[in-house]
Amino acid sequence: MSSIVRPVVADIDRIKSEVHRQTSLCQCSNKYDVQQIAEGRYRFGGSQSLRLVRILRSTVMVRVGGGWTALDEFLVRHDPCRGNRKKRVIYHTRAFKGL
Protein backbone atom coordinates (compact mmCIF):
# COMPACT_ATOMS: atom_id res chain seq x y z
CA MET A 1 0.00 0.00 0.00
CA SER A 2 1.48 3.36 -1.00
CA SER A 3 0.80 6.50 0.94
CA ILE A 4 0.49 9.96 -0.57
CA VAL A 5 2.92 12.47 0.89
CA ARG A 6 1.21 15.84 1.33
CA PRO A 7 3.16 19.05 1.91
CA VAL A 8 2.88 20.71 5.32
CA VAL A 9 0.37 23.60 5.39
CA ALA A 10 3.11 26.16 6.09
CA ASP A 11 5.04 24.88 3.06
CA ILE A 12 1.93 25.18 0.88
CA ASP A 13 1.59 28.85 1.84
CA ARG A 14 5.29 29.47 1.23
CA ILE A 15 5.05 27.81 -2.19
CA LYS A 16 1.99 29.91 -3.13
CA SER A 17 3.66 33.15 -2.09
CA GLU A 18 6.92 32.34 -3.93
CA VAL A 19 5.08 31.33 -7.11
CA HIS A 20 3.09 34.58 -6.92
CA ARG A 21 6.26 36.63 -6.27
CA GLN A 22 8.13 35.06 -9.19
CA THR A 23 5.24 35.39 -11.64
CA SER A 24 4.57 39.00 -10.61
CA LEU A 25 8.09 39.92 -11.76
CA CYS A 26 6.91 39.54 -15.36
CA GLN A 27 6.04 42.96 -16.81
CA CYS A 28 4.84 41.66 -20.20
CA SER A 29 1.39 42.43 -21.53
CA ASN A 30 0.89 38.69 -22.15
CA LYS A 31 1.88 37.23 -18.77
CA TYR A 32 3.06 33.64 -18.37
CA ASP A 33 0.13 31.72 -16.91
CA VAL A 34 0.68 29.67 -13.76
CA GLN A 35 -2.31 27.93 -12.19
CA GLN A 36 -2.49 25.99 -8.96
CA ILE A 37 -4.53 22.86 -9.67
CA ALA A 38 -4.15 21.09 -6.32
CA GLU A 39 -1.86 21.09 -3.30
CA GLY A 40 1.67 21.03 -4.68
CA ARG A 41 0.50 20.68 -8.32
CA TYR A 42 0.71 23.51 -10.82
CA ARG A 43 0.11 24.03 -14.54
CA PHE A 44 2.72 26.28 -16.17
CA GLY A 45 2.04 28.14 -19.41
CA GLY A 46 -0.13 26.54 -22.07
CA SER A 47 0.98 23.02 -21.15
CA GLN A 48 -1.65 20.48 -20.23
CA SER A 49 0.74 18.57 -17.96
CA LEU A 50 0.86 19.17 -14.23
CA ARG A 51 4.11 19.76 -12.37
CA LEU A 52 4.83 18.90 -8.77
CA VAL A 53 6.15 21.83 -6.72
CA ARG A 54 7.73 21.51 -3.27
CA ILE A 55 10.22 23.10 -0.92
CA LEU A 56 13.66 21.57 -0.58
CA ARG A 57 16.13 23.24 1.78
CA SER A 58 14.11 26.49 1.74
CA THR A 59 14.05 26.61 -2.10
CA VAL A 60 10.86 26.17 -4.11
CA MET A 61 11.53 23.35 -6.56
CA VAL A 62 9.67 22.11 -9.66
CA ARG A 63 9.68 18.45 -10.73
CA VAL A 64 11.31 18.13 -14.16
CA GLY A 65 11.79 14.70 -15.72
CA GLY A 66 13.47 12.56 -13.10
CA GLY A 67 14.80 15.42 -11.00
CA TRP A 68 14.04 18.82 -9.53
CA THR A 69 14.96 22.37 -10.57
CA ALA A 70 14.55 25.67 -8.74
CA LEU A 71 11.40 27.63 -9.62
CA ASP A 72 13.32 30.65 -10.91
CA GLU A 73 15.47 28.44 -13.18
CA PHE A 74 12.36 26.66 -14.44
CA LEU A 75 10.74 29.99 -15.30
CA VAL A 76 13.87 31.18 -17.11
CA ARG A 77 13.68 28.10 -19.32
CA HIS A 78 9.93 28.09 -19.92
CA ASP A 79 8.66 31.69 -19.65
CA PRO A 80 9.32 33.38 -23.03
CA CYS A 81 9.76 36.77 -21.35
CA ARG A 82 12.50 35.53 -19.03
CA GLY A 83 14.14 33.41 -21.70
CA ASN A 84 14.56 36.43 -23.95
CA ARG A 85 16.01 38.45 -21.09
CA LYS A 86 18.59 35.72 -20.44
CA LYS A 87 19.58 35.64 -24.13
CA ARG A 88 20.04 39.41 -24.12
CA VAL A 89 22.31 39.20 -21.05
CA ILE A 90 24.42 36.46 -22.66
CA TYR A 91 24.66 38.47 -25.89
CA HIS A 92 25.78 41.62 -24.08
CA THR A 93 28.25 39.69 -21.94
CA ARG A 94 29.87 38.21 -25.06
CA ALA A 95 29.96 41.63 -26.74
CA PHE A 96 31.83 43.14 -23.78
CA LYS A 97 34.33 40.27 -23.66
CA GLY A 98 35.29 41.11 -27.24
CA LEU A 99 36.35 44.66 -26.28
PDB file of N, CA and C in Angstrom:
ATOM      1  N   MET A   1       0.841  -1.164   0.000  1.00  0.00           N
ATOM      2  CA  MET A   1       0.000   0.000   0.000  1.00  0.00           C
ATOM      3  C   MET A   1       0.893   1.235   0.000  1.00  0.00           C
ATOM      4  N   SER A   2       0.670   2.146  -0.944  1.00  0.00           N
ATOM      5  CA  SER A   2       1.480   3.363  -1.004  1.00  0.00           C
ATOM      6  C   SER A   2       0.715   4.511  -0.362  1.00  0.00           C
ATOM      7  N   SER A   3       1.443   5.348   0.312  1.00  0.00           N
ATOM      8  CA  SER A   3       0.802   6.500   0.943  1.00  0.00           C
ATOM      9  C   SER A   3       1.181   7.758   0.171  1.00  0.00           C
ATOM     10  N   ILE A   4       0.256   8.697   0.111  1.00  0.00           N
ATOM     11  CA  ILE A   4       0.490   9.959  -0.569  1.00  0.00           C
ATOM     12  C   ILE A   4       1.115  10.919   0.428  1.00  0.00           C
ATOM     13  N   VAL A   5       2.247  11.510   0.038  1.00  0.00           N
ATOM     14  CA  VAL A   5       2.920  12.475   0.894  1.00  0.00           C
ATOM     15  C   VAL A   5       2.376  13.852   0.552  1.00  0.00           C
ATOM     16  N   ARG A   6       1.779  14.500   1.532  1.00  0.00           N
ATOM     17  CA  ARG A   6       1.213  15.838   1.328  1.00  0.00           C
ATOM     18  C   ARG A   6       2.121  16.869   1.990  1.00  0.00           C
ATOM     19  N   PRO A   7       2.331  18.011   1.316  1.00  0.00           N
ATOM     20  CA  PRO A   7       3.159  19.051   1.913  1.00  0.00           C
ATOM     21  C   PRO A   7       2.533  19.598   3.194  1.00  0.00           C
ATOM     22  N   VAL A   8       3.348  20.074   4.094  1.00  0.00           N
ATOM     23  CA  VAL A   8       2.881  20.707   5.319  1.00  0.00           C
ATOM     24  C   VAL A   8       2.187  22.014   4.947  1.00  0.00           C
ATOM     25  N   VAL A   9       1.163  22.399   5.702  1.00  0.00           N
ATOM     26  CA  VAL A   9       0.374  23.599   5.389  1.00  0.00           C
ATOM     27  C   VAL A   9       1.261  24.832   5.265  1.00  0.00           C
ATOM     28  N   ALA A  10       2.223  24.999   6.154  1.00  0.00           N
ATOM     29  CA  ALA A  10       3.108  26.157   6.090  1.00  0.00           C
ATOM     30  C   ALA A  10       3.893  26.154   4.782  1.00  0.00           C
ATOM     31  N   ASP A  11       4.318  24.977   4.324  1.00  0.00           N
ATOM     32  CA  ASP A  11       5.037  24.875   3.060  1.00  0.00           C
ATOM     33  C   ASP A  11       4.137  25.249   1.893  1.00  0.00           C
ATOM     34  N   ILE A  12       2.880  24.853   1.949  1.00  0.00           N
ATOM     35  CA  ILE A  12       1.933  25.182   0.879  1.00  0.00           C
ATOM     36  C   ILE A  12       1.797  26.692   0.746  1.00  0.00           C
ATOM     37  N   ASP A  13       1.694  27.390   1.865  1.00  0.00           N
ATOM     38  CA  ASP A  13       1.589  28.847   1.837  1.00  0.00           C
ATOM     39  C   ASP A  13       2.869  29.483   1.313  1.00  0.00           C
ATOM     40  N   ARG A  14       4.014  28.950   1.710  1.00  0.00           N
ATOM     41  CA  ARG A  14       5.294  29.474   1.225  1.00  0.00           C
ATOM     42  C   ARG A  14       5.432  29.254  -0.279  1.00  0.00           C
ATOM     43  N   ILE A  15       4.994  28.097  -0.759  1.00  0.00           N
ATOM     44  CA  ILE A  15       5.051  27.806  -2.193  1.00  0.00           C
ATOM     45  C   ILE A  15       4.158  28.786  -2.951  1.00  0.00           C
ATOM     46  N   LYS A  16       2.922  28.977  -2.474  1.00  0.00           N
ATOM     47  CA  LYS A  16       1.994  29.908  -3.128  1.00  0.00           C
ATOM     48  C   LYS A  16       2.582  31.309  -3.210  1.00  0.00           C
ATOM     49  N   SER A  17       3.137  31.785  -2.103  1.00  0.00           N
ATOM     50  CA  SER A  17       3.664  33.151  -2.090  1.00  0.00           C
ATOM     51  C   SER A  17       4.885  33.286  -2.996  1.00  0.00           C
ATOM     52  N   GLU A  18       5.737  32.271  -3.066  1.00  0.00           N
ATOM     53  CA  GLU A  18       6.918  32.344  -3.928  1.00  0.00           C
ATOM     54  C   GLU A  18       6.527  32.266  -5.403  1.00  0.00           C
ATOM     55  N   VAL A  19       5.567  31.406  -5.732  1.00  0.00           N
ATOM     56  CA  VAL A  19       5.084  31.331  -7.115  1.00  0.00           C
ATOM     57  C   VAL A  19       4.483  32.669  -7.516  1.00  0.00           C
ATOM     58  N   HIS A  20       3.686  33.266  -6.632  1.00  0.00           N
ATOM     59  CA  HIS A  20       3.090  34.576  -6.918  1.00  0.00           C
ATOM     60  C   HIS A  20       4.178  35.640  -7.078  1.00  0.00           C
ATOM     61  N   ARG A  21       5.174  35.637  -6.201  1.00  0.00           N
ATOM     62  CA  ARG A  21       6.256  36.626  -6.274  1.00  0.00           C
ATOM     63  C   ARG A  21       7.017  36.502  -7.593  1.00  0.00           C
ATOM     64  N   GLN A  22       7.368  35.276  -7.961  1.00  0.00           N
ATOM     65  CA  GLN A  22       8.132  35.057  -9.193  1.00  0.00           C
ATOM     66  C   GLN A  22       7.334  35.443 -10.429  1.00  0.00           C
ATOM     67  N   THR A  23       6.052  35.074 -10.466  1.00  0.00           N
ATOM     68  CA  THR A  23       5.245  35.391 -11.641  1.00  0.00           C
ATOM     69  C   THR A  23       4.905  36.871 -11.715  1.00  0.00           C
ATOM     70  N   SER A  24       4.862  37.564 -10.587  1.00  0.00           N
ATOM     71  CA  SER A  24       4.567  39.000 -10.610  1.00  0.00           C
ATOM     72  C   SER A  24       5.753  39.816 -11.117  1.00  0.00           C
ATOM     73  N   LEU A  25       6.929  39.216 -11.219  1.00  0.00           N
ATOM     74  CA  LEU A  25       8.095  39.917 -11.758  1.00  0.00           C
ATOM     75  C   LEU A  25       7.954  40.166 -13.256  1.00  0.00           C
ATOM     76  N   CYS A  26       7.123  39.393 -13.923  1.00  0.00           N
ATOM     77  CA  CYS A  26       6.909  39.540 -15.359  1.00  0.00           C
ATOM     78  C   CYS A  26       6.142  40.825 -15.630  1.00  0.00           C
ATOM     79  N   GLN A  27       6.677  41.685 -16.474  1.00  0.00           N
ATOM     80  CA  GLN A  27       6.037  42.961 -16.807  1.00  0.00           C
ATOM     81  C   GLN A  27       5.451  42.947 -18.217  1.00  0.00           C
ATOM     82  N   CYS A  28       5.367  41.780 -18.837  1.00  0.00           N
ATOM     83  CA  CYS A  28       4.845  41.662 -20.205  1.00  0.00           C
ATOM     84  C   CYS A  28       3.336  41.886 -20.228  1.00  0.00           C
ATOM     85  N   SER A  29       2.840  42.287 -21.388  1.00  0.00           N
ATOM     86  CA  SER A  29       1.391  42.435 -21.531  1.00  0.00           C
ATOM     87  C   SER A  29       0.717  41.061 -21.575  1.00  0.00           C
ATOM     88  N   ASN A  30       1.413  40.055 -22.099  1.00  0.00           N
ATOM     89  CA  ASN A  30       0.894  38.689 -22.154  1.00  0.00           C
ATOM     90  C   ASN A  30       1.645  37.854 -21.113  1.00  0.00           C
ATOM     91  N   LYS A  31       1.173  37.883 -19.879  1.00  0.00           N
ATOM     92  CA  LYS A  31       1.875  37.232 -18.770  1.00  0.00           C
ATOM     93  C   LYS A  31       1.862  35.712 -18.888  1.00  0.00           C
ATOM     94  N   TYR A  32       2.936  35.094 -18.413  1.00  0.00           N
ATOM     95  CA  TYR A  32       3.060  33.636 -18.371  1.00  0.00           C
ATOM     96  C   TYR A  32       2.073  33.111 -17.339  1.00  0.00           C
ATOM     97  N   ASP A  33       1.214  32.212 -17.760  1.00  0.00           N
ATOM     98  CA  ASP A  33       0.129  31.724 -16.909  1.00  0.00           C
ATOM     99  C   ASP A  33       0.601  30.585 -16.018  1.00  0.00           C
ATOM    100  N   VAL A  34       0.382  30.722 -14.731  1.00  0.00           N
ATOM    101  CA  VAL A  34       0.680  29.669 -13.757  1.00  0.00           C
ATOM    102  C   VAL A  34      -0.573  29.465 -12.924  1.00  0.00           C
ATOM    103  N   GLN A  35      -1.086  28.238 -12.927  1.00  0.00           N
ATOM    104  CA  GLN A  35      -2.314  27.929 -12.195  1.00  0.00           C
ATOM    105  C   GLN A  35      -2.058  26.832 -11.180  1.00  0.00           C
ATOM    106  N   GLN A  36      -2.544  27.053  -9.957  1.00  0.00           N
ATOM    107  CA  GLN A  36      -2.486  25.987  -8.964  1.00  0.00           C
ATOM    108  C   GLN A  36      -3.699  25.101  -9.190  1.00  0.00           C
ATOM    109  N   ILE A  37      -3.461  23.821  -9.408  1.00  0.00           N
ATOM    110  CA  ILE A  37      -4.529  22.863  -9.670  1.00  0.00           C
ATOM    111  C   ILE A  37      -4.924  22.131  -8.397  1.00  0.00           C
ATOM    112  N   ALA A  38      -3.932  21.777  -7.593  1.00  0.00           N
ATOM    113  CA  ALA A  38      -4.149  21.087  -6.323  1.00  0.00           C
ATOM    114  C   ALA A  38      -2.961  21.404  -5.426  1.00  0.00           C
ATOM    115  N   GLU A  39      -2.977  20.868  -4.213  1.00  0.00           N
ATOM    116  CA  GLU A  39      -1.858  21.087  -3.300  1.00  0.00           C
ATOM    117  C   GLU A  39      -0.575  20.550  -3.928  1.00  0.00           C
ATOM    118  N   GLY A  40       0.377  21.450  -4.146  1.00  0.00           N
ATOM    119  CA  GLY A  40       1.669  21.035  -4.679  1.00  0.00           C
ATOM    120  C   GLY A  40       1.669  20.689  -6.156  1.00  0.00           C
ATOM    121  N   ARG A  41       0.587  20.974  -6.877  1.00  0.00           N
ATOM    122  CA  ARG A  41       0.499  20.683  -8.316  1.00  0.00           C
ATOM    123  C   ARG A  41       0.097  21.955  -9.055  1.00  0.00           C
ATOM    124  N   TYR A  42       0.923  22.290 -10.057  1.00  0.00           N
ATOM    125  CA  TYR A  42       0.708  23.512 -10.820  1.00  0.00           C
ATOM    126  C   TYR A  42       0.755  23.216 -12.313  1.00  0.00           C
ATOM    127  N   ARG A  43       0.050  24.055 -13.082  1.00  0.00           N
ATOM    128  CA  ARG A  43       0.112  24.027 -14.537  1.00  0.00           C
ATOM    129  C   ARG A  43       0.831  25.305 -14.958  1.00  0.00           C
ATOM    130  N   PHE A  44       1.908  25.143 -15.727  1.00  0.00           N
ATOM    131  CA  PHE A  44       2.717  26.278 -16.175  1.00  0.00           C
ATOM    132  C   PHE A  44       2.495  26.525 -17.657  1.00  0.00           C
ATOM    133  N   GLY A  45       2.209  27.772 -18.016  1.00  0.00           N
ATOM    134  CA  GLY A  45       2.040  28.144 -19.415  1.00  0.00           C
ATOM    135  C   GLY A  45       0.853  27.439 -20.041  1.00  0.00           C
ATOM    136  N   GLY A  46       0.945  27.179 -21.341  1.00  0.00           N
ATOM    137  CA  GLY A  46      -0.130  26.537 -22.069  1.00  0.00           C
ATOM    138  C   GLY A  46      -0.088  25.027 -22.004  1.00  0.00           C
ATOM    139  N   SER A  47       0.834  24.472 -21.243  1.00  0.00           N
ATOM    140  CA  SER A  47       0.985  23.022 -21.146  1.00  0.00           C
ATOM    141  C   SER A  47      -0.214  22.392 -20.447  1.00  0.00           C
ATOM    142  N   GLN A  48      -0.573  21.210 -20.881  1.00  0.00           N
ATOM    143  CA  GLN A  48      -1.654  20.479 -20.229  1.00  0.00           C
ATOM    144  C   GLN A  48      -1.131  19.601 -19.085  1.00  0.00           C
ATOM    145  N   SER A  49       0.180  19.419 -19.012  1.00  0.00           N
ATOM    146  CA  SER A  49       0.736  18.566 -17.960  1.00  0.00           C
ATOM    147  C   SER A  49       0.849  19.333 -16.643  1.00  0.00           C
ATOM    148  N   LEU A  50       0.733  18.596 -15.565  1.00  0.00           N
ATOM    149  CA  LEU A  50       0.864  19.175 -14.231  1.00  0.00           C
ATOM    150  C   LEU A  50       2.274  18.931 -13.716  1.00  0.00           C
ATOM    151  N   ARG A  51       2.778  19.870 -12.965  1.00  0.00           N
ATOM    152  CA  ARG A  51       4.112  19.758 -12.369  1.00  0.00           C
ATOM    153  C   ARG A  51       3.981  19.746 -10.854  1.00  0.00           C
ATOM    154  N   LEU A  52       4.765  18.905 -10.219  1.00  0.00           N
ATOM    155  CA  LEU A  52       4.834  18.903  -8.765  1.00  0.00           C
ATOM    156  C   LEU A  52       5.739  20.044  -8.325  1.00  0.00           C
ATOM    157  N   VAL A  53       5.354  20.723  -7.265  1.00  0.00           N
ATOM    158  CA  VAL A  53       6.147  21.825  -6.716  1.00  0.00           C
ATOM    159  C   VAL A  53       6.281  21.580  -5.218  1.00  0.00           C
ATOM    160  N   ARG A  54       7.509  21.715  -4.702  1.00  0.00           N
ATOM    161  CA  ARG A  54       7.732  21.506  -3.272  1.00  0.00           C
ATOM    162  C   ARG A  54       8.875  22.392  -2.797  1.00  0.00           C
ATOM    163  N   ILE A  55       9.109  22.357  -1.504  1.00  0.00           N
ATOM    164  CA  ILE A  55      10.220  23.100  -0.923  1.00  0.00           C
ATOM    165  C   ILE A  55      11.295  22.106  -0.509  1.00  0.00           C
ATOM    166  N   LEU A  56      12.512  22.382  -0.950  1.00  0.00           N
ATOM    167  CA  LEU A  56      13.662  21.567  -0.580  1.00  0.00           C
ATOM    168  C   LEU A  56      14.753  22.503  -0.089  1.00  0.00           C
ATOM    169  N   ARG A  57      15.101  22.369   1.165  1.00  0.00           N
ATOM    170  CA  ARG A  57      16.129  23.236   1.784  1.00  0.00           C
ATOM    171  C   ARG A  57      15.828  24.718   1.548  1.00  0.00           C
ATOM    172  N   SER A  58      14.613  25.113   1.824  1.00  0.00           N
ATOM    173  CA  SER A  58      14.111  26.493   1.743  1.00  0.00           C
ATOM    174  C   SER A  58      14.074  27.050   0.315  1.00  0.00           C
ATOM    175  N   THR A  59      14.155  26.196  -0.699  1.00  0.00           N
ATOM    176  CA  THR A  59      14.046  26.615  -2.096  1.00  0.00           C
ATOM    177  C   THR A  59      12.833  25.951  -2.722  1.00  0.00           C
ATOM    178  N   VAL A  60      12.014  26.733  -3.415  1.00  0.00           N
ATOM    179  CA  VAL A  60      10.861  26.170  -4.111  1.00  0.00           C
ATOM    180  C   VAL A  60      11.368  25.474  -5.363  1.00  0.00           C
ATOM    181  N   MET A  61      11.024  24.193  -5.482  1.00  0.00           N
ATOM    182  CA  MET A  61      11.530  23.349  -6.564  1.00  0.00           C
ATOM    183  C   MET A  61      10.376  22.837  -7.417  1.00  0.00           C
ATOM    184  N   VAL A  62      10.648  22.626  -8.715  1.00  0.00           N
ATOM    185  CA  VAL A  62       9.668  22.105  -9.660  1.00  0.00           C
ATOM    186  C   VAL A  62      10.190  20.774 -10.186  1.00  0.00           C
ATOM    187  N   ARG A  63       9.314  19.775 -10.235  1.00  0.00           N
ATOM    188  CA  ARG A  63       9.679  18.448 -10.733  1.00  0.00           C
ATOM    189  C   ARG A  63       9.846  18.516 -12.248  1.00  0.00           C
ATOM    190  N   VAL A  64      11.010  18.122 -12.736  1.00  0.00           N
ATOM    191  CA  VAL A  64      11.313  18.127 -14.164  1.00  0.00           C
ATOM    192  C   VAL A  64      11.941  16.792 -14.512  1.00  0.00           C
ATOM    193  N   GLY A  65      11.264  16.020 -15.348  1.00  0.00           N
ATOM    194  CA  GLY A  65      11.793  14.705 -15.718  1.00  0.00           C
ATOM    195  C   GLY A  65      11.971  13.849 -14.481  1.00  0.00           C
ATOM    196  N   GLY A  66      13.188  13.386 -14.259  1.00  0.00           N
ATOM    197  CA  GLY A  66      13.468  12.556 -13.099  1.00  0.00           C
ATOM    198  C   GLY A  66      14.084  13.317 -11.943  1.00  0.00           C
ATOM    199  N   GLY A  67      14.160  14.632 -12.056  1.00  0.00           N
ATOM    200  CA  GLY A  67      14.803  15.419 -11.003  1.00  0.00           C
ATOM    201  C   GLY A  67      13.997  16.653 -10.642  1.00  0.00           C
ATOM    202  N   TRP A  68      14.673  17.588  -9.982  1.00  0.00           N
ATOM    203  CA  TRP A  68      14.038  18.822  -9.525  1.00  0.00           C
ATOM    204  C   TRP A  68      14.893  20.006  -9.955  1.00  0.00           C
ATOM    205  N   THR A  69      14.245  21.133 -10.254  1.00  0.00           N
ATOM    206  CA  THR A  69      14.956  22.365 -10.568  1.00  0.00           C
ATOM    207  C   THR A  69      14.297  23.507  -9.800  1.00  0.00           C
ATOM    208  N   ALA A  70      15.077  24.518  -9.484  1.00  0.00           N
ATOM    209  CA  ALA A  70      14.547  25.668  -8.744  1.00  0.00           C
ATOM    210  C   ALA A  70      13.491  26.388  -9.586  1.00  0.00           C
ATOM    211  N   LEU A  71      12.495  26.954  -8.927  1.00  0.00           N
ATOM    212  CA  LEU A  71      11.401  27.629  -9.616  1.00  0.00           C
ATOM    213  C   LEU A  71      11.909  28.727 -10.535  1.00  0.00           C
ATOM    214  N   ASP A  72      12.839  29.553 -10.072  1.00  0.00           N
ATOM    215  CA  ASP A  72      13.325  30.648 -10.912  1.00  0.00           C
ATOM    216  C   ASP A  72      14.046  30.122 -12.149  1.00  0.00           C
ATOM    217  N   GLU A  73      14.806  29.035 -12.021  1.00  0.00           N
ATOM    218  CA  GLU A  73      15.474  28.438 -13.178  1.00  0.00           C
ATOM    219  C   GLU A  73      14.446  27.840 -14.143  1.00  0.00           C
ATOM    220  N   PHE A  74      13.420  27.218 -13.602  1.00  0.00           N
ATOM    221  CA  PHE A  74      12.361  26.656 -14.436  1.00  0.00           C
ATOM    222  C   PHE A  74      11.688  27.759 -15.246  1.00  0.00           C
ATOM    223  N   LEU A  75      11.396  28.892 -14.604  1.00  0.00           N
ATOM    224  CA  LEU A  75      10.742  29.989 -15.299  1.00  0.00           C
ATOM    225  C   LEU A  75      11.651  30.614 -16.355  1.00  0.00           C
ATOM    226  N   VAL A  76      12.945  30.661 -16.101  1.00  0.00           N
ATOM    227  CA  VAL A  76      13.875  31.185 -17.107  1.00  0.00           C
ATOM    228  C   VAL A  76      13.835  30.315 -18.363  1.00  0.00           C
ATOM    229  N   ARG A  77      13.701  29.016 -18.175  1.00  0.00           N
ATOM    230  CA  ARG A  77      13.681  28.099 -19.322  1.00  0.00           C
ATOM    231  C   ARG A  77      12.340  28.068 -20.041  1.00  0.00           C
ATOM    232  N   HIS A  78      11.242  28.292 -19.330  1.00  0.00           N
ATOM    233  CA  HIS A  78       9.926  28.089 -19.920  1.00  0.00           C
ATOM    234  C   HIS A  78       9.127  29.361 -20.181  1.00  0.00           C
ATOM    235  N   ASP A  79       9.366  30.423 -19.444  1.00  0.00           N
ATOM    236  CA  ASP A  79       8.661  31.686 -19.649  1.00  0.00           C
ATOM    237  C   ASP A  79       9.361  32.444 -20.780  1.00  0.00           C
ATOM    238  N   PRO A  80       8.676  32.699 -21.899  1.00  0.00           N
ATOM    239  CA  PRO A  80       9.324  33.375 -23.026  1.00  0.00           C
ATOM    240  C   PRO A  80       9.900  34.739 -22.657  1.00  0.00           C
ATOM    241  N   CYS A  81       9.264  35.457 -21.774  1.00  0.00           N
ATOM    242  CA  CYS A  81       9.756  36.769 -21.345  1.00  0.00           C
ATOM    243  C   CYS A  81      11.123  36.635 -20.665  1.00  0.00           C
ATOM    244  N   ARG A  82      11.241  35.717 -19.755  1.00  0.00           N
ATOM    245  CA  ARG A  82      12.500  35.528 -19.028  1.00  0.00           C
ATOM    246  C   ARG A  82      13.569  34.915 -19.917  1.00  0.00           C
ATOM    247  N   GLY A  83      13.185  34.030 -20.786  1.00  0.00           N
ATOM    248  CA  GLY A  83      14.140  33.413 -21.696  1.00  0.00           C
ATOM    249  C   GLY A  83      14.796  34.434 -22.599  1.00  0.00           C
ATOM    250  N   ASN A  84      14.009  35.379 -23.102  1.00  0.00           N
ATOM    251  CA  ASN A  84      14.561  36.428 -23.950  1.00  0.00           C
ATOM    252  C   ASN A  84      15.502  37.329 -23.171  1.00  0.00           C
ATOM    253  N   ARG A  85      15.156  37.610 -21.921  1.00  0.00           N
ATOM    254  CA  ARG A  85      16.006  38.450 -21.086  1.00  0.00           C
ATOM    255  C   ARG A  85      17.355  37.769 -20.877  1.00  0.00           C
ATOM    256  N   LYS A  86      17.342  36.462 -20.650  1.00  0.00           N
ATOM    257  CA  LYS A  86      18.590  35.722 -20.440  1.00  0.00           C
ATOM    258  C   LYS A  86      19.440  35.756 -21.698  1.00  0.00           C
ATOM    259  N   LYS A  87      18.828  35.592 -22.873  1.00  0.00           N
ATOM    260  CA  LYS A  87      19.576  35.635 -24.125  1.00  0.00           C
ATOM    261  C   LYS A  87      20.220  36.991 -24.324  1.00  0.00           C
ATOM    262  N   ARG A  88      19.478  38.069 -23.972  1.00  0.00           N
ATOM    263  CA  ARG A  88      20.039  39.405 -24.117  1.00  0.00           C
ATOM    264  C   ARG A  88      21.248  39.592 -23.217  1.00  0.00           C
ATOM    265  N   VAL A  89      21.189  39.078 -21.980  1.00  0.00           N
ATOM    266  CA  VAL A  89      22.310  39.203 -21.053  1.00  0.00           C
ATOM    267  C   VAL A  89      23.513  38.444 -21.584  1.00  0.00           C
ATOM    268  N   ILE A  90      23.315  37.242 -22.101  1.00  0.00           N
ATOM    269  CA  ILE A  90      24.422  36.456 -22.657  1.00  0.00           C
ATOM    270  C   ILE A  90      25.025  37.191 -23.851  1.00  0.00           C
ATOM    271  N   TYR A  91      24.180  37.746 -24.724  1.00  0.00           N
ATOM    272  CA  TYR A  91      24.661  38.466 -25.892  1.00  0.00           C
ATOM    273  C   TYR A  91      25.515  39.649 -25.477  1.00  0.00           C
ATOM    274  N   HIS A  92      25.024  40.456 -24.519  1.00  0.00           N
ATOM    275  CA  HIS A  92      25.778  41.623 -24.076  1.00  0.00           C
ATOM    276  C   HIS A  92      27.063  41.232 -23.372  1.00  0.00           C
ATOM    277  N   THR A  93      27.049  40.152 -22.624  1.00  0.00           N
ATOM    278  CA  THR A  93      28.250  39.693 -21.943  1.00  0.00           C
ATOM    279  C   THR A  93      29.316  39.306 -22.965  1.00  0.00           C
ATOM    280  N   ARG A  94      28.922  38.610 -24.004  1.00  0.00           N
ATOM    281  CA  ARG A  94      29.867  38.206 -25.062  1.00  0.00           C
ATOM    282  C   ARG A  94      30.385  39.426 -25.799  1.00  0.00           C
ATOM    283  N   ALA A  95      29.533  40.416 -26.030  1.00  0.00           N
ATOM    284  CA  ALA A  95      29.963  41.627 -26.737  1.00  0.00           C
ATOM    285  C   ALA A  95      31.016  42.368 -25.935  1.00  0.00           C
ATOM    286  N   PHE A  96      30.851  42.433 -24.601  1.00  0.00           N
ATOM    287  CA  PHE A  96      31.832  43.140 -23.775  1.00  0.00           C
ATOM    288  C   PHE A  96      33.141  42.363 -23.661  1.00  0.00           C
ATOM    289  N   LYS A  97      33.095  41.059 -23.723  1.00  0.00           N
ATOM    290  CA  LYS A  97      34.326  40.271 -23.663  1.00  0.00           C
ATOM    291  C   LYS A  97      35.193  40.518 -24.894  1.00  0.00           C
ATOM    292  N   GLY A  98      34.544  40.865 -25.996  1.00  0.00           N
ATOM    293  CA  GLY A  98      35.289  41.109 -27.243  1.00  0.00           C
ATOM    294  C   GLY A  98      36.014  42.429 -27.257  1.00  0.00           C
ATOM    295  N   LEU A  99      35.702  43.340 -26.310  1.00  0.00           N
ATOM    296  CA  LEU A  99      36.350  44.662 -26.277  1.00  0.00           C
ATOM    297  C   LEU A  99      37.749  44.631 -25.802  1.00  0.00           C
TER     298      LEU A  99
END
